[in-house]
C-alpha atoms as a PDB file:
ATOM      1  CA  MET A   1     -10.734   0.427 -20.673  1.00  0.00           C
ATOM      2  CA  SER A   2      -7.481  -0.834 -22.181  1.00  0.00           C
ATOM      3  CA  LYS A   3      -5.907  -1.838 -18.829  1.00  0.00           C
ATOM      4  CA  PHE A   4      -7.397  -4.004 -16.104  1.00  0.00           C
ATOM      5  CA  ILE A   5      -7.751  -3.297 -12.367  1.00  0.00           C
ATOM      6  CA  ILE A   6      -6.138  -5.432  -9.668  1.00  0.00           C
ATOM      7  CA  ASN A   7      -7.953  -5.048  -6.353  1.00  0.00           C
ATOM      8  CA  PHE A   8      -5.856  -6.758  -3.669  1.00  0.00           C
ATOM      9  CA  THR A   9      -7.786  -8.180  -0.687  1.00  0.00           C
ATOM     10  CA  PRO A  10      -5.281  -9.688   1.750  1.00  0.00           C
ATOM     11  CA  THR A  11      -7.230 -10.448   4.939  1.00  0.00           C
ATOM     12  CA  GLY A  12     -11.019 -10.078   5.089  1.00  0.00           C
ATOM     13  CA  MET A  13     -13.183 -10.782   8.120  1.00  0.00           C
ATOM     14  CA  ILE A  14     -13.460 -14.576   8.102  1.00  0.00           C
ATOM     15  CA  PRO A  15     -10.019 -16.188   7.495  1.00  0.00           C
ATOM     16  CA  THR A  16      -7.981 -17.099  10.574  1.00  0.00           C
ATOM     17  CA  LYS A  17      -4.524 -18.496  11.234  1.00  0.00           C
ATOM     18  CA  GLU A  18      -6.215 -21.816  12.087  1.00  0.00           C
ATOM     19  CA  MET A  19      -7.655 -21.906   8.547  1.00  0.00           C
ATOM     20  CA  SER A  20      -4.332 -20.974   6.960  1.00  0.00           C
ATOM     21  CA  SER A  21      -1.060 -19.785   8.428  1.00  0.00           C
ATOM     22  CA  ASN A  22      -0.647 -17.592   5.330  1.00  0.00           C
ATOM     23  CA  VAL A  23      -3.451 -15.211   6.307  1.00  0.00           C
ATOM     24  CA  PRO A  24      -1.978 -11.855   7.399  1.00  0.00           C
ATOM     25  CA  ILE A  25      -3.594 -10.931  10.705  1.00  0.00           C
ATOM     26  CA  SER A  26      -1.244  -8.634  12.634  1.00  0.00           C
ATOM     27  CA  HIS A  27      -0.681  -5.059  11.545  1.00  0.00           C
ATOM     28  CA  GLN A  28       2.834  -5.851  10.371  1.00  0.00           C
ATOM     29  CA  GLU A  29       1.790  -8.969   8.456  1.00  0.00           C
ATOM     30  CA  ILE A  30      -0.852  -6.997   6.581  1.00  0.00           C
ATOM     31  CA  ILE A  31       1.575  -4.162   5.880  1.00  0.00           C
ATOM     32  CA  ASP A  32       4.234  -6.575   4.619  1.00  0.00           C
ATOM     33  CA  ASP A  33       1.832  -8.345   2.243  1.00  0.00           C
ATOM     34  CA  VAL A  34       0.467  -5.060   0.896  1.00  0.00           C
ATOM     35  CA  LEU A  35       3.897  -3.542   0.290  1.00  0.00           C
ATOM     36  CA  LEU A  36       5.175  -6.677  -1.438  1.00  0.00           C
ATOM     37  CA  ALA A  37       2.007  -6.827  -3.531  1.00  0.00           C
ATOM     38  CA  ASN A  38       2.507  -3.193  -4.451  1.00  0.00           C
ATOM     39  CA  GLU A  39       6.013  -3.996  -5.701  1.00  0.00           C
ATOM     40  CA  ILE A  40       4.653  -6.863  -7.828  1.00  0.00           C
ATOM     41  CA  GLY A  41       1.829  -4.679  -9.120  1.00  0.00           C
ATOM     42  CA  ILE A  42      -1.677  -3.879  -7.863  1.00  0.00           C
ATOM     43  CA  THR A  43      -4.099  -1.024  -8.473  1.00  0.00           C
ATOM     44  CA  LEU A  44      -5.741  -0.684  -5.057  1.00  0.00           C
ATOM     45  CA  VAL A  45      -5.956  -2.511  -1.752  1.00  0.00           C
ATOM     46  CA  HIS A  46      -9.071  -3.398   0.246  1.00  0.00           C
ATOM     47  CA  LEU A  47      -8.104  -3.453   3.933  1.00  0.00           C
ATOM     48  CA  HIS A  48      -9.602  -5.176   6.965  1.00  0.00           C
ATOM     49  CA  ALA A  49      -8.037  -4.587  10.379  1.00  0.00           C
ATOM     50  CA  ARG A  50      -7.924  -7.085  13.259  1.00  0.00           C
ATOM     51  CA  ASP A  51      -7.579  -6.443  16.994  1.00  0.00           C
ATOM     52  CA  GLU A  52      -5.145  -8.033  19.464  1.00  0.00           C
ATOM     53  CA  ASN A  53      -7.411 -11.103  19.625  1.00  0.00           C
ATOM     54  CA  GLN A  54      -7.303 -11.513  15.837  1.00  0.00           C
ATOM     55  CA  MET A  55     -10.952 -10.473  15.572  1.00  0.00           C
ATOM     56  CA  PRO A  56     -12.248  -8.036  12.917  1.00  0.00           C
ATOM     57  CA  THR A  57     -12.376  -4.484  14.241  1.00  0.00           C
ATOM     58  CA  TYR A  58     -13.976  -1.231  13.139  1.00  0.00           C
ATOM     59  CA  LYS A  59     -11.644   0.941  15.227  1.00  0.00           C
ATOM     60  CA  ALA A  60      -9.842   3.746  13.420  1.00  0.00           C
ATOM     61  CA  SER A  61      -6.951   3.432  15.884  1.00  0.00           C
ATOM     62  CA  GLU A  62      -6.243  -0.090  14.591  1.00  0.00           C
ATOM     63  CA  TYR A  63      -6.627   0.860  10.930  1.00  0.00           C
ATOM     64  CA  PHE A  64      -4.308   3.823  11.466  1.00  0.00           C
ATOM     65  CA  LYS A  65      -1.397   1.545  12.392  1.00  0.00           C
ATOM     66  CA  ILE A  66      -1.751  -0.148   8.992  1.00  0.00           C
ATOM     67  CA  ILE A  67      -2.619   2.843   6.834  1.00  0.00           C
ATOM     68  CA  GLU A  68       0.155   5.055   8.227  1.00  0.00           C
ATOM     69  CA  LYS A  69       2.897   2.626   7.178  1.00  0.00           C
ATOM     70  CA  ILE A  70       1.395   1.871   3.779  1.00  0.00           C
ATOM     71  CA  ARG A  71       1.096   5.582   3.007  1.00  0.00           C
ATOM     72  CA  GLN A  72       4.686   6.079   4.117  1.00  0.00           C
ATOM     73  CA  TYR A  73       6.163   3.407   1.830  1.00  0.00           C
ATOM     74  CA  ALA A  74       3.574   3.264  -0.983  1.00  0.00           C
ATOM     75  CA  PRO A  75       2.165   6.796  -1.219  1.00  0.00           C
ATOM     76  CA  ASP A  76       0.591   6.279  -4.648  1.00  0.00           C
ATOM     77  CA  LEU A  77      -1.390   3.173  -3.710  1.00  0.00           C
ATOM     78  CA  VAL A  78      -5.173   3.646  -3.655  1.00  0.00           C
ATOM     79  CA  LEU A  79      -6.312   2.642  -0.146  1.00  0.00           C
ATOM     80  CA  GLY A  80      -9.755   1.181   0.492  1.00  0.00           C
ATOM     81  CA  VAL A  81     -11.164   0.183   3.878  1.00  0.00           C
ATOM     82  CA  SER A  82     -13.986  -2.083   4.944  1.00  0.00           C
ATOM     83  CA  LEU A  83     -17.179  -0.544   6.322  1.00  0.00           C
ATOM     84  CA  SER A  84     -18.785  -3.939   6.848  1.00  0.00           C
ATOM     85  CA  GLY A  85     -21.629  -4.355   9.297  1.00  0.00           C
ATOM     86  CA  ARG A  86     -21.373  -8.109   9.722  1.00  0.00           C
ATOM     87  CA  ASN A  87     -19.901  -7.774  13.237  1.00  0.00           C
ATOM     88  CA  TYR A  88     -20.737  -4.204  14.324  1.00  0.00           C
ATOM     89  CA  ASN A  89     -23.810  -2.890  12.584  1.00  0.00           C
ATOM     90  CA  THR A  90     -24.122   0.688  13.827  1.00  0.00           C
ATOM     91  CA  PHE A  91     -23.378   3.791  11.795  1.00  0.00           C
ATOM     92  CA  GLU A  92     -20.941   5.153  14.381  1.00  0.00           C
ATOM     93  CA  PHE A  93     -18.841   1.998  14.319  1.00  0.00           C
ATOM     94  CA  ARG A  94     -19.038   1.361  10.588  1.00  0.00           C
ATOM     95  CA  SER A  95     -18.083   4.943   9.693  1.00  0.00           C
ATOM     96  CA  GLU A  96     -15.336   5.464  12.304  1.00  0.00           C
ATOM     97  CA  VAL A  97     -12.451   4.534   9.984  1.00  0.00           C
ATOM     98  CA  LEU A  98     -13.529   7.230   7.516  1.00  0.00           C
ATOM     99  CA  SER A  99     -11.930   9.755   9.862  1.00  0.00           C
ATOM    100  CA  LEU A 100      -8.584   8.559   8.448  1.00  0.00           C
ATOM    101  CA  TYR A 101      -9.537   9.846   4.965  1.00  0.00           C
ATOM    102  CA  PRO A 102      -9.019   6.633   2.989  1.00  0.00           C
ATOM    103  CA  ASP A 103      -9.394   6.856  -0.758  1.00  0.00           C
ATOM    104  CA  MET A 104     -12.270   4.363  -0.813  1.00  0.00           C
ATOM    105  CA  GLY A 105     -14.709   2.668   1.564  1.00  0.00           C
ATOM    106  CA  SER A 106     -16.758  -0.445   0.913  1.00  0.00           C
ATOM    107  CA  LEU A 107     -20.522  -0.068   0.507  1.00  0.00           C
ATOM    108  CA  THR A 108     -22.663  -3.186   0.078  1.00  0.00           C
ATOM    109  CA  LEU A 109     -25.881  -2.165  -1.648  1.00  0.00           C
ATOM    110  CA  ASN A 110     -28.331  -4.497   0.073  1.00  0.00           C
ATOM    111  CA  SER A 111     -28.590  -7.132   2.778  1.00  0.00           C
ATOM    112  CA  LEU A 112     -27.550 -10.690   1.958  1.00  0.00           C
ATOM    113  CA  ASN A 113     -27.004 -14.103   3.481  1.00  0.00           C
ATOM    114  CA  PHE A 114     -23.704 -15.938   3.557  1.00  0.00           C
ATOM    115  CA  PRO A 115     -23.598 -19.677   4.338  1.00  0.00           C
ATOM    116  CA  LYS A 116     -23.230 -19.097   8.088  1.00  0.00           C
ATOM    117  CA  SER A 117     -24.021 -15.413   8.629  1.00  0.00           C
ATOM    118  CA  ALA A 118     -25.813 -12.386   7.256  1.00  0.00           C
ATOM    119  CA  SER A 119     -24.683  -8.949   6.131  1.00  0.00           C
ATOM    120  CA  VAL A 120     -27.410  -6.461   7.009  1.00  0.00           C
ATOM    121  CA  ASN A 121     -27.415  -3.214   5.060  1.00  0.00           C
ATOM    122  CA  ASP A 122     -30.693  -1.377   5.413  1.00  0.00           C
ATOM    123  CA  PRO A 123     -31.505   1.603   3.161  1.00  0.00           C
ATOM    124  CA  ASP A 124     -30.886   4.207   5.860  1.00  0.00           C
ATOM    125  CA  MET A 125     -27.464   2.748   6.698  1.00  0.00           C
ATOM    126  CA  ILE A 126     -26.460   2.699   3.033  1.00  0.00           C
ATOM    127  CA  HIS A 127     -27.579   6.319   2.624  1.00  0.00           C
ATOM    128  CA  GLN A 128     -25.765   7.501   5.775  1.00  0.00           C
ATOM    129  CA  LEU A 129     -22.511   5.802   4.829  1.00  0.00           C
ATOM    130  CA  ALA A 130     -22.669   7.138   1.262  1.00  0.00           C
ATOM    131  CA  MET A 131     -23.281  10.692   2.447  1.00  0.00           C
ATOM    132  CA  LYS A 132     -20.523  10.485   5.062  1.00  0.00           C
ATOM    133  CA  MET A 133     -18.073   9.275   2.419  1.00  0.00           C
ATOM    134  CA  SER A 134     -19.099  12.058   0.078  1.00  0.00           C
ATOM    135  CA  SER A 135     -18.509  14.682   2.776  1.00  0.00           C
ATOM    136  CA  LEU A 136     -14.977  13.364   3.402  1.00  0.00           C
ATOM    137  CA  GLY A 137     -13.917  12.840  -0.212  1.00  0.00           C
ATOM    138  CA  VAL A 138     -14.059   9.037   0.016  1.00  0.00           C
ATOM    139  CA  THR A 139     -15.207   7.077  -3.055  1.00  0.00           C
ATOM    140  CA  PRO A 140     -17.597   4.187  -2.335  1.00  0.00           C
ATOM    141  CA  GLU A 141     -16.277   0.767  -3.289  1.00  0.00           C
ATOM    142  CA  LEU A 142     -19.652  -0.590  -4.351  1.00  0.00           C
ATOM    143  CA  GLU A 143     -20.133  -4.268  -3.493  1.00  0.00           C
ATOM    144  CA  ILE A 144     -22.489  -6.181  -5.788  1.00  0.00           C
ATOM    145  CA  PHE A 145     -23.590  -9.750  -5.001  1.00  0.00           C
ATOM    146  CA  ASP A 146     -26.759  -9.917  -7.125  1.00  0.00           C
ATOM    147  CA  LEU A 147     -28.575  -7.987  -9.835  1.00  0.00           C
ATOM    148  CA  GLY A 148     -30.871  -6.283  -7.337  1.00  0.00           C
ATOM    149  CA  MET A 149     -27.880  -4.458  -5.888  1.00  0.00           C
ATOM    150  CA  ILE A 150     -27.097  -3.031  -9.314  1.00  0.00           C
ATOM    151  CA  ASN A 151     -30.688  -1.850  -9.598  1.00  0.00           C
ATOM    152  CA  TYR A 152     -30.304  -0.141  -6.238  1.00  0.00           C
ATOM    153  CA  ALA A 153     -27.087   1.529  -7.391  1.00  0.00           C
ATOM    154  CA  HIS A 154     -28.995   3.102 -10.283  1.00  0.00           C
ATOM    155  CA  TYR A 155     -31.651   4.270  -7.822  1.00  0.00           C
ATOM    156  CA  LEU A 156     -29.047   5.934  -5.592  1.00  0.00           C
ATOM    157  CA  ILE A 157     -27.361   7.530  -8.609  1.00  0.00           C
ATOM    158  CA  ASN A 158     -30.684   8.997  -9.727  1.00  0.00           C
ATOM    159  CA  LYS A 159     -31.161  10.347  -6.189  1.00  0.00           C
ATOM    160  CA  LYS A 160     -27.646  11.905  -6.298  1.00  0.00           C
ATOM    161  CA  THR A 161     -26.673   9.837  -3.261  1.00  0.00           C
ATOM    162  CA  LEU A 162     -23.916   8.257  -5.335  1.00  0.00           C
ATOM    163  CA  LEU A 163     -21.780  10.480  -7.530  1.00  0.00           C
ATOM    164  CA  PRO A 164     -19.147   9.564 -10.129  1.00  0.00           C
ATOM    165  CA  PRO A 165     -16.646   8.077 -10.523  1.00  0.00           C
ATOM    166  CA  PHE A 166     -18.311   4.701  -9.922  1.00  0.00           C
ATOM    167  CA  TYR A 167     -16.365   1.590  -8.956  1.00  0.00           C
ATOM    168  CA  PHE A 168     -18.001  -1.825  -8.486  1.00  0.00           C
ATOM    169  CA  ASN A 169     -16.838  -5.165  -7.129  1.00  0.00           C
ATOM    170  CA  ILE A 170     -18.956  -7.882  -8.733  1.00  0.00           C
ATOM    171  CA  ILE A 171     -18.682 -10.717  -6.210  1.00  0.00           C
ATOM    172  CA  VAL A 172     -19.634 -14.190  -7.454  1.00  0.00           C
ATOM    173  CA  GLY A 173     -19.724 -17.564  -5.764  1.00  0.00           C
ATOM    174  CA  ASN A 174     -21.890 -16.802  -2.726  1.00  0.00           C
ATOM    175  CA  ILE A 175     -24.661 -19.401  -2.620  1.00  0.00           C
ATOM    176  CA  SER A 176     -27.405 -16.753  -2.503  1.00  0.00           C
ATOM    177  CA  GLY A 177     -25.988 -14.540  -5.234  1.00  0.00           C
ATOM    178  CA  LEU A 178     -24.333 -14.404  -8.622  1.00  0.00           C
ATOM    179  CA  GLN A 179     -22.268 -17.373  -9.794  1.00  0.00           C
ATOM    180  CA  THR A 180     -19.321 -17.633 -12.182  1.00  0.00           C
ATOM    181  CA  GLU A 181     -21.479 -18.238 -15.239  1.00  0.00           C
ATOM    182  CA  PRO A 182     -21.003 -16.282 -18.491  1.00  0.00           C
ATOM    183  CA  ASN A 183     -24.655 -15.291 -18.744  1.00  0.00           C
ATOM    184  CA  GLN A 184     -24.830 -14.075 -15.123  1.00  0.00           C
ATOM    185  CA  ILE A 185     -21.568 -12.142 -15.287  1.00  0.00           C
ATOM    186  CA  GLY A 186     -22.423 -10.675 -18.686  1.00  0.00           C
ATOM    187  CA  GLN A 187     -25.809  -9.498 -17.475  1.00  0.00           C
ATOM    188  CA  ALA A 188     -24.276  -7.879 -14.405  1.00  0.00           C
ATOM    189  CA  ILE A 189     -21.669  -6.026 -16.468  1.00  0.00           C
ATOM    190  CA  ASN A 190     -24.270  -4.860 -18.971  1.00  0.00           C
ATOM    191  CA  LEU A 191     -26.440  -3.439 -16.177  1.00  0.00           C
ATOM    192  CA  LEU A 192     -23.686  -1.308 -14.631  1.00  0.00           C
ATOM    193  CA  PRO A 193     -24.015   2.475 -15.005  1.00  0.00           C
ATOM    194  CA  LYS A 194     -22.223   4.044 -17.938  1.00  0.00           C
ATOM    195  CA  ASN A 195     -18.550   4.870 -17.449  1.00  0.00           C
ATOM    196  CA  SER A 196     -18.217   2.506 -14.476  1.00  0.00           C
ATOM    197  CA  PHE A 197     -15.008   0.818 -13.366  1.00  0.00           C
ATOM    198  CA  TRP A 198     -15.294  -2.690 -12.007  1.00  0.00           C
ATOM    199  CA  ALA A 199     -13.563  -5.902 -10.972  1.00  0.00           C
ATOM    200  CA  ILE A 200     -14.822  -9.446 -10.499  1.00  0.00           C
ATOM    201  CA  GLY A 201     -14.078 -11.382  -7.337  1.00  0.00           C
ATOM    202  CA  GLY A 202     -14.838 -15.055  -6.811  1.00  0.00           C
ATOM    203  CA  ILE A 203     -15.424 -16.765  -3.481  1.00  0.00           C
ATOM    204  CA  GLY A 204     -13.548 -20.002  -2.820  1.00  0.00           C
ATOM    205  CA  ASN A 205     -12.854 -22.162  -5.851  1.00  0.00           C
ATOM    206  CA  GLN A 206     -14.622 -19.675  -8.105  1.00  0.00           C
ATOM    207  CA  GLN A 207     -11.900 -17.046  -7.655  1.00  0.00           C
ATOM    208  CA  LEU A 208      -9.646 -18.071 -10.543  1.00  0.00           C
ATOM    209  CA  ASN A 209     -12.438 -18.353 -13.114  1.00  0.00           C
ATOM    210  CA  ALA A 210     -13.942 -15.086 -11.884  1.00  0.00           C
ATOM    211  CA  ASN A 211     -10.592 -13.354 -12.235  1.00  0.00           C
ATOM    212  CA  VAL A 212     -10.143 -14.635 -15.782  1.00  0.00           C
ATOM    213  CA  TYR A 213     -13.602 -13.355 -16.722  1.00  0.00           C
ATOM    214  CA  GLY A 214     -12.704 -10.000 -15.202  1.00  0.00           C
ATOM    215  CA  MET A 215      -9.547  -9.752 -17.260  1.00  0.00           C
ATOM    216  CA  ILE A 216     -10.962 -10.820 -20.617  1.00  0.00           C
ATOM    217  CA  THR A 217     -14.127  -8.729 -20.337  1.00  0.00           C
ATOM    218  CA  GLY A 218     -12.260  -5.479 -19.809  1.00  0.00           C
ATOM    219  CA  GLY A 219     -12.773  -4.803 -16.112  1.00  0.00           C
ATOM    220  CA  GLY A 220     -10.478  -6.211 -13.497  1.00  0.00           C
ATOM    221  CA  VAL A 221      -9.891  -8.724 -10.737  1.00  0.00           C
ATOM    222  CA  ARG A 222     -10.353  -8.840  -7.004  1.00  0.00           C
ATOM    223  CA  VAL A 223      -7.797 -11.276  -5.643  1.00  0.00           C
ATOM    224  CA  GLY A 224      -6.512 -12.363  -2.246  1.00  0.00           C
ATOM    225  CA  LEU A 225      -7.018 -14.548   0.795  1.00  0.00           C
ATOM    226  CA  GLU A 226     -10.118 -12.637   1.876  1.00  0.00           C
ATOM    227  CA  ASP A 227     -12.102 -14.643  -0.668  1.00  0.00           C
ATOM    228  CA  ASN A 228     -10.079 -17.808  -1.234  1.00  0.00           C
ATOM    229  CA  LEU A 229      -7.554 -19.781   0.854  1.00  0.00           C
ATOM    230  CA  TYR A 230      -6.503 -22.379  -1.722  1.00  0.00           C
ATOM    231  CA  TYR A 231      -4.331 -22.213  -4.805  1.00  0.00           C
ATOM    232  CA  ASP A 232      -6.089 -25.111  -6.549  1.00  0.00           C
ATOM    233  CA  LYS A 233      -9.746 -26.014  -6.920  1.00  0.00           C
ATOM    234  CA  ASN A 234      -9.250 -29.413  -5.256  1.00  0.00           C
ATOM    235  CA  LYS A 235      -7.979 -27.703  -2.088  1.00  0.00           C
ATOM    236  CA  LEU A 236      -4.692 -29.580  -2.061  1.00  0.00           C
ATOM    237  CA  SER A 237      -2.453 -26.529  -1.701  1.00  0.00           C
ATOM    238  CA  LYS A 238      -2.929 -23.527   0.550  1.00  0.00           C
ATOM    239  CA  ALA A 239      -2.540 -20.218  -1.262  1.00  0.00           C
ATOM    240  CA  SER A 240      -0.661 -17.126  -0.213  1.00  0.00           C
ATOM    241  CA  ASN A 241      -1.602 -13.626  -1.205  1.00  0.00           C
ATOM    242  CA  ILE A 242       1.579 -13.344  -3.209  1.00  0.00           C
ATOM    243  CA  ASN A 243       1.286 -16.543  -5.229  1.00  0.00           C
ATOM    244  CA  LEU A 244      -2.326 -15.689  -6.077  1.00  0.00           C
ATOM    245  CA  LEU A 245      -1.187 -12.264  -7.259  1.00  0.00           C
ATOM    246  CA  LYS A 246       1.758 -13.633  -9.221  1.00  0.00           C
ATOM    247  CA  ARG A 247      -0.624 -15.990 -11.046  1.00  0.00           C
ATOM    248  CA  ILE A 248      -2.701 -12.996 -12.128  1.00  0.00           C
ATOM    249  CA  HIS A 249       0.414 -11.388 -13.579  1.00  0.00           C
ATOM    250  CA  ARG A 250       1.374 -14.583 -15.407  1.00  0.00           C
ATOM    251  CA  LEU A 251      -2.108 -14.809 -16.920  1.00  0.00           C
ATOM    252  CA  ALA A 252      -1.993 -11.142 -17.877  1.00  0.00           C
ATOM    253  CA  GLY A 253       1.284 -11.801 -19.655  1.00  0.00           C
ATOM    254  CA  GLU A 254      -0.225 -14.656 -21.654  1.00  0.00           C
ATOM    255  CA  LEU A 255      -3.256 -12.511 -22.511  1.00  0.00           C
ATOM    256  CA  GLU A 256      -1.002  -9.551 -23.371  1.00  0.00           C
ATOM    257  CA  LEU A 257      -2.774  -7.322 -20.863  1.00  0.00           C
ATOM    258  CA  ASN A 258      -1.415  -4.550 -18.656  1.00  0.00           C
ATOM    259  CA  TYR A 259      -2.767  -3.591 -15.257  1.00  0.00           C
ATOM    260  CA  LEU A 260      -3.838  -0.110 -14.242  1.00  0.00           C
ATOM    261  CA  THR A 261      -1.255   1.433 -11.924  1.00  0.00           C
ATOM    262  CA  PRO A 262      -2.362   3.075  -8.671  1.00  0.00           C
ATOM    263  CA  MET A 263      -1.496   6.528  -9.987  1.00  0.00           C
ATOM    264  CA  GLU A 264      -3.396   5.975 -13.232  1.00  0.00           C
ATOM    265  CA  PHE A 265      -6.418   4.792 -11.265  1.00  0.00           C
ATOM    266  CA  GLY A 266      -6.156   7.492  -8.627  1.00  0.00           C
ATOM    267  CA  LYS A 267      -6.037  10.248 -11.224  1.00  0.00           C
ATOM    268  CA  LEU A 268      -9.341   9.005 -12.661  1.00  0.00           C
ATOM    269  CA  GLY A 269     -10.954  10.451  -9.542  1.00  0.00           C
ATOM    270  CA  PHE A 270     -10.281   7.760  -6.939  1.00  0.00           C
ATOM    271  CA  TYR A 271      -7.696   9.580  -4.839  1.00  0.00           C
ATOM    272  CA  ASN A 272      -9.050  11.324  -1.753  1.00  0.00           C
ATOM    273  CA  SER A 273      -7.790  14.872  -2.205  1.00  0.00           C
ATOM    274  CA  ASN A 274      -8.347  15.576   1.508  1.00  0.00           C
ATOM    275  CA  ALA A 275      -5.593  13.060   2.348  1.00  0.00           C
ATOM    276  CA  ARG A 276      -3.228  14.009  -0.486  1.00  0.00           C
ATOM    277  CA  LYS A 277      -2.850  17.793  -0.188  1.00  0.00           C
END
């Protein structure tokens, strides 16, 4: 692919205002960051909604307040939503937001441990979410934290549970998964299914290096405060979503690279036709 993907991840489930005042939590804060990022240049956005207590929520009613405004002012932007089970691990809760017909929905392809919590994704849950997305025209945003998850993606493709186009986030920096090492990243990329689209995201101080690898290896970047709250590796300066994104564009300029626009990406099969009639 001659252009690289920019997957913008403004909020996530973990960051709070106490951790950084720059984290967008309210509906309007998230909307404002996404629309400004869209003006600067991104390919897609990966959304997490919060409730009135600033806690992560699965509720479609909360996501709707964000998605409605983004669709109004940035109709071409590819919209992805979180289907995480870290807080509410039932199919009914995790799939509720799909009723809004987003373009993409996250699908982590195995269970894994984070430093202080676990993300449980049993085979039946993965299958149910994949089939629900397929029925609604939603493309899975496949989350990969280790090589076993890529193996499982191939298994689901062979079973016709996952259908093209395929998009993967290769997430590095979690203590129990892939790290930002050339041999690990290269092996992960080489194991992806043919004709896959992908971006590399790094957790914490691995984000910048991960993003550079993503750009120079022909895939893309996942960037934002969901994964990293600091602008520098020594944690001396708090980041904002916008200065992280602007750094990506500066690096792209130095590398003489162009990013894939939302419309270019959407027309590759990532738009949900049920929401764009």
